Amino acid sequence: MAALLCTVVPSAAACTAAAAKTTAKETTAKETAEVETKATASTPSCADGAVRWTSVHRERRLTEVSPVVNVRKDDGRITFHLGPVRNIVPRVGTSDDRVSERQVLAALARHLKWWDVEQLAAPGEESADRRRHPVEVDSLGHAGRFVEAGGVQVVDASFTVTCPGRDVHGSVTTWFGDVSTSLACGVDPRTEEPWIQEAYRLACGPLSP
């Protein structure tokens, strides 16, 4: 509270009037702060806003590949040790933090139709953190130079959420599941998916012309 210096005021009434004005100002400031606090607390959320997907791109992406293993016909089961190629980092970005990460991932799971939201990686669940073990494969009597590759399904999408007062825009990257394949060096993978071709180039070398 402001100090009231009345020693220089010739009238006690003047001092009383000054005190009343100060009290009135403090009351007004307090009421204004309370109104602003209530307004902030009652700001409409976007929890019930419809999520409209403007683009959804899904693909398998390479995350691990093994060194080449030379296999003989009588080797039986072969063990491959996979090393990292890339790390898929989930993220949800929006132009308004009223839209939650959970809301976006739940809407994406519904859009993908058969995926439960718990199967989609949330921010903080990076693909490199999942547990990986050596892979055992039966050579089935084949001989040659072989490679094992692994990856995940990745979804990159952009969206708009209808919120009170305006639309909110954002994007999301997530991953789910595991995919794997065995490759034989020297067998052209041109008809295979891009992630398999990438694994071949990294482990076996360039594709033949």
N, C-alpha and C. Protein backbone atom coordinates (compact mmCIF):
# COMPACT_ATOMS: atom_id res chain seq x y z
N MET A 1 0.86 -1.19 0.00
CA MET A 1 0.00 0.00 0.00
C MET A 1 0.89 1.24 0.00
N ALA A 2 0.48 2.28 -0.76
CA ALA A 2 1.25 3.52 -0.81
C ALA A 2 1.22 4.22 0.54
N ALA A 3 2.35 4.82 0.94
CA ALA A 3 2.41 5.55 2.22
C ALA A 3 1.70 6.89 2.06
N LEU A 4 0.96 7.33 3.09
CA LEU A 4 0.24 8.61 3.08
C LEU A 4 0.99 9.59 3.97
N LEU A 5 1.63 10.58 3.35
CA LEU A 5 2.39 11.58 4.11
C LEU A 5 1.49 12.80 4.32
N CYS A 6 0.91 12.93 5.53
CA CYS A 6 -0.05 14.00 5.80
C CYS A 6 0.55 15.16 6.58
N THR A 7 1.82 15.08 6.87
CA THR A 7 2.40 16.13 7.71
C THR A 7 2.43 17.47 6.98
N VAL A 8 2.44 17.44 5.63
CA VAL A 8 2.50 18.70 4.89
C VAL A 8 1.11 19.15 4.43
N VAL A 9 0.09 18.35 4.79
CA VAL A 9 -1.28 18.70 4.38
C VAL A 9 -1.91 19.49 5.50
N PRO A 10 -2.44 20.70 5.25
CA PRO A 10 -2.98 21.53 6.33
C PRO A 10 -4.26 21.00 6.90
N SER A 11 -4.89 20.04 6.26
CA SER A 11 -6.21 19.58 6.74
C SER A 11 -6.21 18.08 6.86
N ALA A 12 -6.76 17.59 7.94
CA ALA A 12 -6.90 16.15 8.12
C ALA A 12 -7.86 15.58 7.09
N ALA A 13 -8.83 16.40 6.66
CA ALA A 13 -9.81 15.95 5.67
C ALA A 13 -9.12 15.64 4.34
N ALA A 14 -8.11 16.47 4.00
CA ALA A 14 -7.39 16.24 2.76
C ALA A 14 -6.65 14.91 2.80
N CYS A 15 -6.09 14.58 3.95
CA CYS A 15 -5.39 13.31 4.13
C CYS A 15 -6.35 12.14 3.96
N THR A 16 -7.56 12.29 4.54
CA THR A 16 -8.58 11.24 4.45
C THR A 16 -9.01 11.03 3.01
N ALA A 17 -9.14 12.11 2.25
CA ALA A 17 -9.56 12.02 0.85
C ALA A 17 -8.50 11.30 0.03
N ALA A 18 -7.23 11.61 0.30
CA ALA A 18 -6.15 10.95 -0.43
C ALA A 18 -6.13 9.46 -0.16
N ALA A 19 -6.37 9.08 1.09
CA ALA A 19 -6.40 7.67 1.45
C ALA A 19 -7.54 6.96 0.74
N ALA A 20 -8.69 7.62 0.64
CA ALA A 20 -9.86 7.01 -0.01
C ALA A 20 -9.57 6.76 -1.49
N LYS A 21 -8.89 7.75 -2.16
CA LYS A 21 -8.57 7.58 -3.57
C LYS A 21 -7.63 6.40 -3.78
N THR A 22 -6.64 6.27 -2.89
CA THR A 22 -5.69 5.17 -3.01
C THR A 22 -6.38 3.83 -2.85
N THR A 23 -7.27 3.73 -1.86
CA THR A 23 -8.01 2.49 -1.63
C THR A 23 -8.87 2.15 -2.83
N ALA A 24 -9.50 3.15 -3.44
CA ALA A 24 -10.35 2.92 -4.61
C ALA A 24 -9.52 2.37 -5.77
N LYS A 25 -8.30 2.89 -5.97
CA LYS A 25 -7.44 2.43 -7.06
C LYS A 25 -7.03 0.98 -6.84
N GLU A 26 -6.71 0.65 -5.58
CA GLU A 26 -6.30 -0.72 -5.28
C GLU A 26 -7.44 -1.69 -5.52
N THR A 27 -8.66 -1.29 -5.14
CA THR A 27 -9.84 -2.15 -5.33
C THR A 27 -10.09 -2.39 -6.81
N THR A 28 -9.99 -1.33 -7.61
CA THR A 28 -10.20 -1.44 -9.05
C THR A 28 -9.17 -2.38 -9.68
N ALA A 29 -7.91 -2.25 -9.29
CA ALA A 29 -6.85 -3.10 -9.82
C ALA A 29 -7.09 -4.56 -9.47
N LYS A 30 -7.56 -4.78 -8.22
CA LYS A 30 -7.82 -6.14 -7.77
C LYS A 30 -8.96 -6.75 -8.56
N GLU A 31 -10.03 -5.97 -8.78
CA GLU A 31 -11.19 -6.47 -9.53
C GLU A 31 -10.79 -6.78 -10.97
N THR A 32 -9.95 -5.93 -11.56
CA THR A 32 -9.51 -6.16 -12.94
C THR A 32 -8.71 -7.45 -13.05
N ALA A 33 -7.82 -7.67 -12.08
CA ALA A 33 -7.01 -8.90 -12.08
C ALA A 33 -7.89 -10.13 -11.96
N GLU A 34 -8.96 -10.05 -11.10
CA GLU A 34 -9.86 -11.19 -10.93
C GLU A 34 -10.62 -11.48 -12.21
N VAL A 35 -11.06 -10.43 -12.89
CA VAL A 35 -11.79 -10.61 -14.14
C VAL A 35 -10.90 -11.26 -15.19
N GLU A 36 -9.63 -10.80 -15.29
CA GLU A 36 -8.71 -11.36 -16.27
C GLU A 36 -8.42 -12.83 -15.97
N THR A 37 -8.27 -13.16 -14.67
CA THR A 37 -8.02 -14.54 -14.28
C THR A 37 -9.18 -15.44 -14.66
N LYS A 38 -10.43 -14.96 -14.41
CA LYS A 38 -11.61 -15.74 -14.77
C LYS A 38 -11.71 -15.92 -16.27
N ALA A 39 -11.36 -14.90 -17.02
CA ALA A 39 -11.44 -14.98 -18.47
C ALA A 39 -10.46 -16.01 -19.01
N THR A 40 -9.25 -16.02 -18.42
CA THR A 40 -8.25 -16.99 -18.85
C THR A 40 -8.69 -18.40 -18.53
N ALA A 41 -9.24 -18.58 -17.34
CA ALA A 41 -9.66 -19.91 -16.91
C ALA A 41 -10.81 -20.43 -17.76
N SER A 42 -11.64 -19.51 -18.30
CA SER A 42 -12.79 -19.96 -19.07
C SER A 42 -12.53 -19.96 -20.57
N THR A 43 -11.26 -19.77 -20.99
CA THR A 43 -10.95 -19.79 -22.42
C THR A 43 -11.33 -21.15 -22.99
N PRO A 44 -12.14 -21.17 -24.05
CA PRO A 44 -12.59 -22.45 -24.60
C PRO A 44 -11.41 -23.30 -25.05
N SER A 45 -11.50 -24.61 -24.82
CA SER A 45 -10.44 -25.51 -25.26
C SER A 45 -10.76 -26.03 -26.65
N CYS A 46 -9.82 -26.80 -27.20
CA CYS A 46 -10.01 -27.38 -28.53
C CYS A 46 -10.26 -28.88 -28.43
N ALA A 47 -10.54 -29.37 -27.22
CA ALA A 47 -10.63 -30.81 -27.01
C ALA A 47 -11.69 -31.47 -27.88
N ASP A 48 -12.76 -30.76 -28.18
CA ASP A 48 -13.83 -31.34 -28.98
C ASP A 48 -13.77 -30.91 -30.44
N GLY A 49 -12.69 -30.22 -30.83
CA GLY A 49 -12.58 -29.73 -32.20
C GLY A 49 -12.35 -30.85 -33.20
N ALA A 50 -12.96 -30.72 -34.36
CA ALA A 50 -12.78 -31.71 -35.41
C ALA A 50 -11.40 -31.58 -36.03
N VAL A 51 -10.71 -32.72 -36.20
CA VAL A 51 -9.39 -32.74 -36.82
C VAL A 51 -9.56 -33.11 -38.29
N ARG A 52 -9.10 -32.23 -39.18
CA ARG A 52 -9.19 -32.48 -40.61
C ARG A 52 -7.77 -32.72 -41.13
N TRP A 53 -7.56 -33.85 -41.77
CA TRP A 53 -6.23 -34.22 -42.26
C TRP A 53 -6.04 -33.67 -43.67
N THR A 54 -5.07 -32.81 -43.83
CA THR A 54 -4.81 -32.21 -45.13
C THR A 54 -3.83 -33.06 -45.94
N SER A 55 -3.01 -33.84 -45.27
CA SER A 55 -2.14 -34.80 -45.96
C SER A 55 -1.71 -35.87 -44.96
N VAL A 56 -1.66 -37.12 -45.42
CA VAL A 56 -1.19 -38.24 -44.59
C VAL A 56 -0.32 -39.11 -45.49
N HIS A 57 0.95 -39.22 -45.16
CA HIS A 57 1.88 -40.03 -45.94
C HIS A 57 2.45 -41.14 -45.06
N ARG A 58 2.30 -42.38 -45.50
CA ARG A 58 2.79 -43.52 -44.72
C ARG A 58 3.76 -44.34 -45.57
N GLU A 59 4.89 -44.72 -44.96
CA GLU A 59 5.86 -45.54 -45.67
C GLU A 59 6.72 -46.31 -44.69
N ARG A 60 7.29 -47.41 -45.16
CA ARG A 60 8.28 -48.13 -44.37
C ARG A 60 9.62 -47.40 -44.52
N ARG A 61 10.34 -47.28 -43.42
CA ARG A 61 11.60 -46.55 -43.46
C ARG A 61 12.69 -47.39 -42.78
N LEU A 62 13.85 -47.44 -43.40
CA LEU A 62 14.96 -48.23 -42.87
C LEU A 62 15.51 -47.61 -41.59
N THR A 63 15.73 -48.45 -40.57
CA THR A 63 16.32 -47.97 -39.32
C THR A 63 17.58 -48.74 -38.93
N GLU A 64 17.72 -49.99 -39.39
CA GLU A 64 18.91 -50.81 -39.07
C GLU A 64 19.28 -51.69 -40.25
N VAL A 65 20.53 -51.99 -40.37
CA VAL A 65 21.00 -52.94 -41.37
C VAL A 65 22.23 -53.65 -40.83
N SER A 66 22.43 -54.89 -41.24
CA SER A 66 23.57 -55.66 -40.76
C SER A 66 24.72 -55.58 -41.75
N PRO A 67 25.92 -55.93 -41.30
CA PRO A 67 27.02 -56.13 -42.27
C PRO A 67 26.72 -57.37 -43.12
N VAL A 68 27.41 -57.49 -44.22
CA VAL A 68 27.27 -58.66 -45.08
C VAL A 68 27.82 -59.90 -44.36
N VAL A 69 27.08 -60.99 -44.44
CA VAL A 69 27.53 -62.27 -43.88
C VAL A 69 27.70 -63.26 -45.03
N ASN A 70 28.88 -63.88 -45.13
CA ASN A 70 29.13 -64.91 -46.15
C ASN A 70 28.58 -66.25 -45.65
N VAL A 71 27.66 -66.79 -46.39
CA VAL A 71 26.94 -68.00 -45.98
C VAL A 71 27.28 -69.16 -46.91
N ARG A 72 27.56 -70.34 -46.31
CA ARG A 72 27.78 -71.57 -47.07
C ARG A 72 26.52 -72.43 -47.03
N LYS A 73 26.40 -73.36 -47.93
CA LYS A 73 25.18 -74.15 -48.04
C LYS A 73 24.85 -74.92 -46.77
N ASP A 74 25.88 -75.35 -46.07
CA ASP A 74 25.65 -76.18 -44.88
C ASP A 74 25.72 -75.39 -43.58
N ASP A 75 25.60 -74.05 -43.63
CA ASP A 75 25.72 -73.24 -42.42
C ASP A 75 24.47 -73.29 -41.54
N GLY A 76 23.33 -73.64 -42.06
CA GLY A 76 22.12 -73.72 -41.23
C GLY A 76 21.63 -72.34 -40.80
N ARG A 77 21.49 -72.14 -39.49
CA ARG A 77 20.98 -70.87 -38.97
C ARG A 77 22.11 -69.84 -38.88
N ILE A 78 21.82 -68.64 -39.37
CA ILE A 78 22.80 -67.57 -39.41
C ILE A 78 22.35 -66.44 -38.50
N THR A 79 23.28 -65.87 -37.74
CA THR A 79 22.97 -64.75 -36.85
C THR A 79 23.46 -63.45 -37.47
N PHE A 80 22.54 -62.47 -37.54
CA PHE A 80 22.87 -61.14 -38.06
C PHE A 80 22.81 -60.13 -36.91
N HIS A 81 23.79 -59.25 -36.85
CA HIS A 81 23.82 -58.18 -35.86
C HIS A 81 23.57 -56.85 -36.58
N LEU A 82 22.44 -56.25 -36.30
CA LEU A 82 22.04 -55.04 -37.01
C LEU A 82 22.59 -53.78 -36.35
N GLY A 83 23.02 -52.84 -37.17
CA GLY A 83 23.50 -51.56 -36.67
C GLY A 83 22.56 -50.45 -37.10
N PRO A 84 22.55 -49.33 -36.37
CA PRO A 84 21.60 -48.25 -36.66
C PRO A 84 21.91 -47.52 -37.96
N VAL A 85 20.84 -47.12 -38.64
CA VAL A 85 20.93 -46.30 -39.85
C VAL A 85 20.34 -44.92 -39.59
N ARG A 86 19.15 -44.89 -39.00
CA ARG A 86 18.52 -43.62 -38.66
C ARG A 86 17.58 -43.81 -37.47
N ASN A 87 17.25 -42.71 -36.83
CA ASN A 87 16.36 -42.70 -35.68
C ASN A 87 15.11 -41.89 -36.04
N ILE A 88 13.95 -42.50 -35.90
CA ILE A 88 12.69 -41.81 -36.17
C ILE A 88 12.23 -41.16 -34.87
N VAL A 89 12.12 -39.83 -34.89
CA VAL A 89 11.77 -39.06 -33.69
C VAL A 89 10.33 -38.56 -33.81
N PRO A 90 9.41 -39.09 -33.01
CA PRO A 90 8.01 -38.61 -33.08
C PRO A 90 7.90 -37.17 -32.61
N ARG A 91 7.00 -36.42 -33.25
CA ARG A 91 6.76 -35.04 -32.84
C ARG A 91 5.35 -34.64 -33.24
N VAL A 92 4.79 -33.73 -32.44
CA VAL A 92 3.51 -33.10 -32.77
C VAL A 92 3.70 -31.60 -32.60
N GLY A 93 3.51 -30.85 -33.67
CA GLY A 93 3.65 -29.40 -33.62
C GLY A 93 2.36 -28.72 -34.03
N THR A 94 1.96 -27.69 -33.27
CA THR A 94 0.73 -26.96 -33.60
C THR A 94 0.96 -25.46 -33.43
N SER A 95 0.07 -24.67 -34.02
CA SER A 95 0.14 -23.22 -33.89
C SER A 95 -0.57 -22.73 -32.64
N ASP A 96 -1.11 -23.64 -31.83
CA ASP A 96 -1.83 -23.26 -30.60
C ASP A 96 -1.74 -24.43 -29.63
N ASP A 97 -1.19 -24.18 -28.43
CA ASP A 97 -0.99 -25.28 -27.49
C ASP A 97 -2.27 -25.77 -26.83
N ARG A 98 -3.42 -25.20 -27.21
CA ARG A 98 -4.68 -25.76 -26.73
C ARG A 98 -4.96 -27.14 -27.35
N VAL A 99 -4.33 -27.43 -28.47
CA VAL A 99 -4.45 -28.74 -29.10
C VAL A 99 -3.38 -29.66 -28.52
N SER A 100 -3.78 -30.74 -27.88
CA SER A 100 -2.83 -31.60 -27.18
C SER A 100 -2.25 -32.67 -28.12
N GLU A 101 -1.08 -33.17 -27.76
CA GLU A 101 -0.45 -34.24 -28.52
C GLU A 101 -1.32 -35.48 -28.52
N ARG A 102 -1.90 -35.80 -27.37
CA ARG A 102 -2.74 -36.99 -27.25
C ARG A 102 -3.95 -36.89 -28.18
N GLN A 103 -4.56 -35.71 -28.25
CA GLN A 103 -5.72 -35.49 -29.11
C GLN A 103 -5.37 -35.75 -30.57
N VAL A 104 -4.21 -35.25 -30.99
CA VAL A 104 -3.79 -35.42 -32.38
C VAL A 104 -3.53 -36.89 -32.69
N LEU A 105 -2.79 -37.58 -31.82
CA LEU A 105 -2.46 -38.99 -32.06
C LEU A 105 -3.72 -39.86 -32.05
N ALA A 106 -4.67 -39.56 -31.16
CA ALA A 106 -5.92 -40.33 -31.12
C ALA A 106 -6.70 -40.14 -32.42
N ALA A 107 -6.72 -38.90 -32.92
CA ALA A 107 -7.42 -38.64 -34.19
C ALA A 107 -6.72 -39.34 -35.35
N LEU A 108 -5.39 -39.38 -35.31
CA LEU A 108 -4.65 -40.06 -36.38
C LEU A 108 -4.91 -41.56 -36.35
N ALA A 109 -4.96 -42.13 -35.16
CA ALA A 109 -5.26 -43.56 -35.03
C ALA A 109 -6.63 -43.88 -35.63
N ARG A 110 -7.61 -43.02 -35.37
CA ARG A 110 -8.95 -43.23 -35.96
C ARG A 110 -8.89 -43.11 -37.48
N HIS A 111 -8.09 -42.16 -37.96
CA HIS A 111 -7.99 -41.96 -39.41
C HIS A 111 -7.36 -43.17 -40.09
N LEU A 112 -6.37 -43.78 -39.43
CA LEU A 112 -5.73 -44.97 -39.98
C LEU A 112 -6.61 -46.21 -39.84
N LYS A 113 -7.71 -46.08 -39.12
CA LYS A 113 -8.79 -47.06 -39.00
C LYS A 113 -8.48 -48.27 -38.13
N TRP A 114 -7.37 -48.97 -38.36
CA TRP A 114 -7.17 -50.20 -37.57
C TRP A 114 -6.08 -50.07 -36.51
N TRP A 115 -5.58 -48.86 -36.29
CA TRP A 115 -4.53 -48.70 -35.28
C TRP A 115 -5.07 -48.06 -34.01
N ASP A 116 -4.72 -48.68 -32.89
CA ASP A 116 -5.05 -48.10 -31.59
C ASP A 116 -4.02 -47.03 -31.27
N VAL A 117 -4.45 -45.96 -30.57
CA VAL A 117 -3.54 -44.85 -30.30
C VAL A 117 -2.30 -45.31 -29.53
N GLU A 118 -2.42 -46.35 -28.70
CA GLU A 118 -1.27 -46.82 -27.93
C GLU A 118 -0.19 -47.43 -28.83
N GLN A 119 -0.55 -47.80 -30.05
CA GLN A 119 0.43 -48.39 -30.96
C GLN A 119 1.23 -47.33 -31.72
N LEU A 120 0.79 -46.09 -31.67
CA LEU A 120 1.50 -45.01 -32.33
C LEU A 120 2.51 -44.40 -31.35
N ALA A 121 3.74 -44.24 -31.79
CA ALA A 121 4.78 -43.69 -30.92
C ALA A 121 4.49 -42.21 -30.63
N ALA A 122 4.50 -41.85 -29.36
CA ALA A 122 4.29 -40.47 -28.94
C ALA A 122 5.64 -39.77 -28.81
N PRO A 123 5.66 -38.44 -28.77
CA PRO A 123 6.92 -37.72 -28.56
C PRO A 123 7.67 -38.29 -27.35
N GLY A 124 8.96 -38.56 -27.55
CA GLY A 124 9.77 -39.18 -26.50
C GLY A 124 10.00 -40.66 -26.72
N GLU A 125 9.23 -41.28 -27.64
CA GLU A 125 9.37 -42.72 -27.92
C GLU A 125 10.09 -42.89 -29.27
N GLU A 126 11.39 -42.70 -29.26
CA GLU A 126 12.16 -42.74 -30.50
C GLU A 126 12.41 -44.17 -30.94
N SER A 127 12.50 -44.37 -32.25
CA SER A 127 12.67 -45.73 -32.76
C SER A 127 13.98 -46.36 -32.30
N ALA A 128 15.01 -45.54 -32.09
CA ALA A 128 16.30 -46.07 -31.65
C ALA A 128 16.25 -46.63 -30.23
N ASP A 129 15.23 -46.27 -29.47
CA ASP A 129 15.15 -46.72 -28.08
C ASP A 129 14.50 -48.09 -27.94
N ARG A 130 13.87 -48.58 -29.01
CA ARG A 130 13.22 -49.88 -28.86
C ARG A 130 14.27 -50.98 -28.78
N ARG A 131 13.92 -52.05 -28.09
CA ARG A 131 14.90 -53.11 -27.83
C ARG A 131 15.17 -53.90 -29.11
N ARG A 132 16.42 -54.09 -29.42
CA ARG A 132 16.81 -54.85 -30.60
C ARG A 132 17.67 -56.04 -30.19
N HIS A 133 17.47 -57.17 -30.86
CA HIS A 133 18.24 -58.38 -30.58
C HIS A 133 18.89 -58.86 -31.88
N PRO A 134 19.95 -59.65 -31.78
CA PRO A 134 20.48 -60.29 -32.99
C PRO A 134 19.37 -61.10 -33.68
N VAL A 135 19.43 -61.14 -35.00
CA VAL A 135 18.39 -61.83 -35.78
C VAL A 135 18.94 -63.15 -36.29
N GLU A 136 18.21 -64.25 -36.02
CA GLU A 136 18.60 -65.56 -36.51
C GLU A 136 17.74 -65.94 -37.70
N VAL A 137 18.39 -66.37 -38.78
CA VAL A 137 17.68 -66.75 -40.01
C VAL A 137 18.20 -68.09 -40.49
N ASP A 138 17.28 -68.96 -40.92
CA ASP A 138 17.68 -70.25 -41.48
C ASP A 138 18.10 -70.04 -42.93
N SER A 139 19.32 -70.42 -43.26
CA SER A 139 19.82 -70.20 -44.62
C SER A 139 19.17 -71.13 -45.64
N LEU A 140 18.51 -72.20 -45.18
CA LEU A 140 17.77 -73.11 -46.05
C LEU A 140 18.64 -73.67 -47.18
N GLY A 141 19.90 -73.85 -46.89
CA GLY A 141 20.80 -74.44 -47.88
C GLY A 141 21.30 -73.48 -48.93
N HIS A 142 20.98 -72.21 -48.81
CA HIS A 142 21.46 -71.23 -49.78
C HIS A 142 22.88 -70.79 -49.42
N ALA A 143 23.61 -70.41 -50.43
CA ALA A 143 24.96 -69.89 -50.23
C ALA A 143 25.06 -68.52 -50.89
N GLY A 144 25.94 -67.67 -50.34
CA GLY A 144 26.12 -66.35 -50.92
C GLY A 144 26.40 -65.31 -49.86
N ARG A 145 26.26 -64.07 -50.24
CA ARG A 145 26.49 -62.94 -49.33
C ARG A 145 25.12 -62.37 -48.96
N PHE A 146 24.79 -62.41 -47.67
CA PHE A 146 23.45 -62.04 -47.23
C PHE A 146 23.48 -60.89 -46.21
N VAL A 147 22.36 -60.17 -46.18
CA VAL A 147 22.20 -59.00 -45.31
C VAL A 147 20.81 -59.06 -44.70
N GLU A 148 20.71 -58.61 -43.45
CA GLU A 148 19.40 -58.47 -42.79
C GLU A 148 19.15 -56.98 -42.56
N ALA A 149 17.91 -56.55 -42.82
CA ALA A 149 17.55 -55.13 -42.65
C ALA A 149 16.26 -55.03 -41.83
N GLY A 150 16.16 -53.94 -41.08
CA GLY A 150 14.96 -53.71 -40.26
C GLY A 150 14.49 -52.28 -40.36
N GLY A 151 13.22 -52.08 -40.11
CA GLY A 151 12.67 -50.72 -40.16
C GLY A 151 11.35 -50.63 -39.43
N VAL A 152 10.70 -49.48 -39.59
CA VAL A 152 9.41 -49.24 -38.96
C VAL A 152 8.49 -48.57 -39.97
N GLN A 153 7.19 -48.60 -39.66
CA GLN A 153 6.22 -47.86 -40.46
C GLN A 153 6.19 -46.43 -39.93
N VAL A 154 6.35 -45.45 -40.81
CA VAL A 154 6.40 -44.04 -40.43
C VAL A 154 5.21 -43.31 -41.05
N VAL A 155 4.59 -42.44 -40.26
CA VAL A 155 3.49 -41.60 -40.75
C VAL A 155 3.88 -40.14 -40.57
N ASP A 156 3.84 -39.38 -41.66
CA ASP A 156 4.00 -37.93 -41.63
C ASP A 156 2.69 -37.32 -42.10
N ALA A 157 2.11 -36.44 -41.30
CA ALA A 157 0.80 -35.89 -41.64
C ALA A 157 0.70 -34.43 -41.22
N SER A 158 -0.18 -33.71 -41.88
CA SER A 158 -0.51 -32.34 -41.49
C SER A 158 -2.01 -32.24 -41.31
N PHE A 159 -2.45 -31.30 -40.47
CA PHE A 159 -3.86 -31.27 -40.09
C PHE A 159 -4.29 -29.86 -39.72
N THR A 160 -5.63 -29.71 -39.63
CA THR A 160 -6.26 -28.49 -39.14
C THR A 160 -7.30 -28.89 -38.10
N VAL A 161 -7.33 -28.18 -36.97
CA VAL A 161 -8.30 -28.45 -35.90
C VAL A 161 -9.22 -27.24 -35.77
N THR A 162 -10.52 -27.50 -35.74
CA THR A 162 -11.50 -26.43 -35.55
C THR A 162 -11.57 -26.10 -34.06
N CYS A 163 -11.09 -24.92 -33.69
CA CYS A 163 -11.09 -24.46 -32.30
C CYS A 163 -11.99 -23.24 -32.17
N PRO A 164 -12.46 -22.93 -30.95
CA PRO A 164 -13.26 -21.72 -30.75
C PRO A 164 -12.49 -20.48 -31.20
N GLY A 165 -13.04 -19.76 -32.13
CA GLY A 165 -12.43 -18.51 -32.55
C GLY A 165 -11.56 -18.60 -33.78
N ARG A 166 -10.94 -19.75 -34.01
CA ARG A 166 -10.08 -19.87 -35.18
C ARG A 166 -9.67 -21.32 -35.40
N ASP A 167 -9.13 -21.59 -36.60
CA ASP A 167 -8.59 -22.92 -36.89
C ASP A 167 -7.12 -22.97 -36.46
N VAL A 168 -6.71 -24.14 -35.98
CA VAL A 168 -5.33 -24.37 -35.56
C VAL A 168 -4.70 -25.35 -36.54
N HIS A 169 -3.50 -25.04 -37.00
CA HIS A 169 -2.80 -25.89 -37.96
C HIS A 169 -1.63 -26.59 -37.28
N GLY A 170 -1.27 -27.76 -37.80
CA GLY A 170 -0.16 -28.49 -37.21
C GLY A 170 0.30 -29.64 -38.07
N SER A 171 1.32 -30.34 -37.58
CA SER A 171 1.87 -31.50 -38.27
C SER A 171 2.29 -32.54 -37.23
N VAL A 172 2.39 -33.79 -37.67
CA VAL A 172 2.74 -34.87 -36.76
C VAL A 172 3.61 -35.88 -37.50
N THR A 173 4.60 -36.42 -36.79
CA THR A 173 5.39 -37.55 -37.26
C THR A 173 5.35 -38.62 -36.19
N THR A 174 5.04 -39.85 -36.58
CA THR A 174 5.01 -40.95 -35.62
C THR A 174 5.43 -42.23 -36.35
N TRP A 175 5.63 -43.29 -35.57
CA TRP A 175 5.98 -44.57 -36.16
C TRP A 175 5.30 -45.69 -35.40
N PHE A 176 5.20 -46.86 -36.02
CA PHE A 176 4.62 -48.02 -35.35
C PHE A 176 5.16 -49.29 -36.00
N GLY A 177 5.09 -50.39 -35.25
CA GLY A 177 5.44 -51.70 -35.79
C GLY A 177 6.89 -51.87 -36.14
N ASP A 178 7.21 -53.07 -36.61
CA ASP A 178 8.55 -53.42 -37.08
C ASP A 178 8.42 -54.15 -38.41
N VAL A 179 9.36 -53.90 -39.30
CA VAL A 179 9.44 -54.64 -40.56
C VAL A 179 10.86 -55.14 -40.71
N SER A 180 11.04 -56.27 -41.39
CA SER A 180 12.38 -56.81 -41.59
C SER A 180 12.42 -57.60 -42.89
N THR A 181 13.63 -57.76 -43.42
CA THR A 181 13.79 -58.53 -44.65
C THR A 181 15.23 -59.03 -44.74
N SER A 182 15.40 -60.13 -45.48
CA SER A 182 16.74 -60.67 -45.78
C SER A 182 17.05 -60.38 -47.24
N LEU A 183 18.28 -59.95 -47.50
CA LEU A 183 18.70 -59.61 -48.85
C LEU A 183 19.91 -60.43 -49.24
N ALA A 184 19.97 -60.80 -50.51
CA ALA A 184 21.13 -61.48 -51.05
C ALA A 184 21.87 -60.51 -51.96
N CYS A 185 23.12 -60.21 -51.63
CA CYS A 185 23.90 -59.32 -52.49
C CYS A 185 24.06 -59.99 -53.86
N GLY A 186 23.88 -59.19 -54.90
CA GLY A 186 23.94 -59.72 -56.25
C GLY A 186 22.57 -59.97 -56.84
N VAL A 187 21.53 -59.97 -56.00
CA VAL A 187 20.16 -60.11 -56.49
C VAL A 187 19.54 -58.72 -56.54
N ASP A 188 19.26 -58.23 -57.74
CA ASP A 188 18.83 -56.85 -57.96
C ASP A 188 17.51 -56.56 -57.23
N PRO A 189 17.49 -55.55 -56.33
CA PRO A 189 16.27 -55.23 -55.58
C PRO A 189 15.45 -54.09 -56.19
N ARG A 190 15.63 -53.79 -57.48
CA ARG A 190 14.97 -52.61 -58.07
C ARG A 190 13.46 -52.66 -57.96
N THR A 191 12.88 -53.84 -57.91
CA THR A 191 11.42 -53.95 -57.82
C THR A 191 10.92 -53.88 -56.37
N GLU A 192 11.83 -53.79 -55.42
CA GLU A 192 11.45 -53.76 -54.02
C GLU A 192 11.17 -52.32 -53.56
N GLU A 193 10.68 -52.18 -52.33
CA GLU A 193 10.37 -50.86 -51.78
C GLU A 193 11.66 -50.06 -51.55
N PRO A 194 11.55 -48.72 -51.49
CA PRO A 194 12.75 -47.88 -51.33
C PRO A 194 13.60 -48.23 -50.12
N TRP A 195 12.99 -48.61 -48.98
CA TRP A 195 13.79 -48.89 -47.80
C TRP A 195 14.66 -50.13 -47.99
N ILE A 196 14.17 -51.09 -48.79
CA ILE A 196 14.95 -52.29 -49.08
C ILE A 196 16.09 -51.96 -50.03
N GLN A 197 15.81 -51.14 -51.04
CA GLN A 197 16.87 -50.71 -51.95
C GLN A 197 17.97 -49.96 -51.21
N GLU A 198 17.55 -49.11 -50.25
CA GLU A 198 18.54 -48.37 -49.46
C GLU A 198 19.42 -49.32 -48.67
N ALA A 199 18.81 -50.34 -48.04
CA ALA A 199 19.58 -51.31 -47.27
C ALA A 199 20.59 -52.03 -48.16
N TYR A 200 20.18 -52.37 -49.35
CA TYR A 200 21.07 -53.05 -50.29
C TYR A 200 22.26 -52.15 -50.63
N ARG A 201 21.99 -50.89 -50.96
CA ARG A 201 23.08 -49.99 -51.33
C ARG A 201 24.07 -49.80 -50.18
N LEU A 202 23.54 -49.69 -48.96
CA LEU A 202 24.41 -49.47 -47.80
C LEU A 202 25.29 -50.68 -47.50
N ALA A 203 24.72 -51.88 -47.64
CA ALA A 203 25.46 -53.08 -47.24
C ALA A 203 26.17 -53.75 -48.41
N CYS A 204 25.51 -53.86 -49.54
CA CYS A 204 26.06 -54.61 -50.67
C CYS A 204 26.78 -53.74 -51.69
N GLY A 205 26.45 -52.46 -51.74
CA GLY A 205 27.06 -51.58 -52.70
C GLY A 205 26.04 -51.09 -53.73
N PRO A 206 26.47 -50.30 -54.71
CA PRO A 206 25.55 -49.73 -55.69
C PRO A 206 24.78 -50.79 -56.47
N LEU A 207 23.59 -50.43 -56.90
CA LEU A 207 22.82 -51.32 -57.77
C LEU A 207 23.53 -51.43 -59.11
N SER A 208 23.40 -52.60 -59.73
CA SER A 208 24.02 -52.80 -61.03
C SER A 208 23.35 -51.90 -62.07
N PRO A 209 24.10 -51.39 -63.06
CA PRO A 209 23.51 -50.49 -64.07
C PRO A 209 22.50 -51.19 -64.93
